[in-house]
């Protein structure tokens, strides 16, 4: 089990950077999905929203 106590300062900074990146991706993909008119493109962006959210939640577990 990894916890915050097992992570170096550099690893924590990298983790925070990755989490922030997934948050940004999530917001952008949501906006793109809202604007998409083609069903396949809309679906692609909606899947990206779900994926970025899941990845962010997985990384957040390392901060607990």
C-alpha atoms as a PDB file:
ATOM      1  CA  UNK A   1       0.000   0.000   0.000  1.00  0.00           C
ATOM      2  CA  UNK A   2       1.213   3.438  -0.947  1.00  0.00           C
ATOM      3  CA  UNK A   3       0.353   6.404   1.205  1.00  0.00           C
ATOM      4  CA  UNK A   4       1.414  10.011   1.173  1.00  0.00           C
ATOM      5  CA  UNK A   5       4.077   9.099   3.750  1.00  0.00           C
ATOM      6  CA  UNK A   6       5.743   6.777   1.226  1.00  0.00           C
ATOM      7  CA  UNK A   7       6.000   9.455  -1.480  1.00  0.00           C
ATOM      8  CA  UNK A   8       8.918  11.823  -1.945  1.00  0.00           C
ATOM      9  CA  UNK A   9       8.334  15.549  -2.362  1.00  0.00           C
ATOM     10  CA  UNK A  10       9.031  15.255  -6.099  1.00  0.00           C
ATOM     11  CA  UNK A  11       6.552  12.384  -6.427  1.00  0.00           C
ATOM     12  CA  UNK A  12       3.926  14.440  -4.591  1.00  0.00           C
ATOM     13  CA  UNK A  13       4.507  17.397  -6.908  1.00  0.00           C
ATOM     14  CA  UNK A  14       4.235  15.126  -9.943  1.00  0.00           C
ATOM     15  CA  UNK A  15       1.079  13.554  -8.571  1.00  0.00           C
ATOM     16  CA  UNK A  16      -0.525  16.956  -7.993  1.00  0.00           C
ATOM     17  CA  UNK A  17       0.471  17.993 -11.513  1.00  0.00           C
ATOM     18  CA  UNK A  18      -1.105  14.851 -13.002  1.00  0.00           C
ATOM     19  CA  UNK A  19      -4.307  15.325 -10.981  1.00  0.00           C
ATOM     20  CA  UNK A  20      -4.534  18.925 -12.152  1.00  0.00           C
ATOM     21  CA  UNK A  21      -4.013  17.777 -15.730  1.00  0.00           C
ATOM     22  CA  UNK A  22      -6.851  15.287 -15.486  1.00  0.00           C
ATOM     23  CA  UNK A  23      -9.086  17.998 -14.011  1.00  0.00           C
ATOM     24  CA  UNK A  24      -8.292  20.277 -16.952  1.00  0.00           C
ATOM     25  CA  UNK A  25      -8.858  17.446 -19.433  1.00  0.00           C
ATOM     26  CA  UNK A  26     -12.163  16.603 -17.755  1.00  0.00           C
ATOM     27  CA  UNK A  27     -13.433  20.186 -18.086  1.00  0.00           C
ATOM     28  CA  UNK A  28     -12.324  20.513 -21.712  1.00  0.00           C
ATOM     29  CA  UNK A  29     -13.793  17.167 -22.760  1.00  0.00           C
ATOM     30  CA  UNK A  30     -17.099  18.063 -21.077  1.00  0.00           C
ATOM     31  CA  UNK A  31     -17.220  21.298 -23.048  1.00  0.00           C
ATOM     32  CA  UNK A  32     -16.371  19.517 -26.306  1.00  0.00           C
ATOM     33  CA  UNK A  33     -19.029  16.859 -25.648  1.00  0.00           C
ATOM     34  CA  UNK A  34     -21.660  19.553 -25.026  1.00  0.00           C
ATOM     35  CA  UNK A  35     -20.825  21.268 -28.315  1.00  0.00           C
ATOM     36  CA  UNK A  36     -20.477  18.140 -30.469  1.00  0.00           C
ATOM     37  CA  UNK A  37     -23.309  17.473 -32.884  1.00  0.00           C
ATOM     38  CA  UNK A  38     -22.008  14.244 -34.411  1.00  0.00           C
ATOM     39  CA  UNK A  39     -23.102  11.336 -32.146  1.00  0.00           C
ATOM     40  CA  UNK A  40     -19.798   9.454 -32.552  1.00  0.00           C
ATOM     41  CA  UNK A  41     -17.723  12.507 -31.700  1.00  0.00           C
ATOM     42  CA  UNK A  42     -20.004  13.329 -28.772  1.00  0.00           C
ATOM     43  CA  UNK A  43     -19.612   9.746 -27.516  1.00  0.00           C
ATOM     44  CA  UNK A  44     -15.824   9.944 -27.878  1.00  0.00           C
ATOM     45  CA  UNK A  45     -15.660  13.066 -25.706  1.00  0.00           C
ATOM     46  CA  UNK A  46     -18.117  11.646 -23.158  1.00  0.00           C
ATOM     47  CA  UNK A  47     -15.907   8.556 -22.808  1.00  0.00           C
ATOM     48  CA  UNK A  48     -12.899  10.841 -22.346  1.00  0.00           C
ATOM     49  CA  UNK A  49     -14.767  12.644 -19.545  1.00  0.00           C
ATOM     50  CA  UNK A  50     -15.399   9.343 -17.767  1.00  0.00           C
ATOM     51  CA  UNK A  51     -11.831   8.160 -18.270  1.00  0.00           C
ATOM     52  CA  UNK A  52     -10.240  11.381 -17.001  1.00  0.00           C
ATOM     53  CA  UNK A  53     -12.513  11.339 -13.954  1.00  0.00           C
ATOM     54  CA  UNK A  54     -11.612   7.719 -13.147  1.00  0.00           C
ATOM     55  CA  UNK A  55      -7.894   8.413 -13.596  1.00  0.00           C
ATOM     56  CA  UNK A  56      -8.085  11.462 -11.339  1.00  0.00           C
ATOM     57  CA  UNK A  57      -9.914   9.468  -8.636  1.00  0.00           C
ATOM     58  CA  UNK A  58      -7.300   6.712  -8.828  1.00  0.00           C
ATOM     59  CA  UNK A  59      -4.479   9.213  -8.379  1.00  0.00           C
ATOM     60  CA  UNK A  60      -6.314  10.954  -5.529  1.00  0.00           C
ATOM     61  CA  UNK A  61      -6.161   7.700  -3.544  1.00  0.00           C
ATOM     62  CA  UNK A  62      -2.401   8.144  -3.260  1.00  0.00           C
ATOM     63  CA  UNK A  63      -2.918  11.389  -1.347  1.00  0.00           C
ATOM     64  CA  UNK A  64      -4.858   9.726   1.481  1.00  0.00           C
END
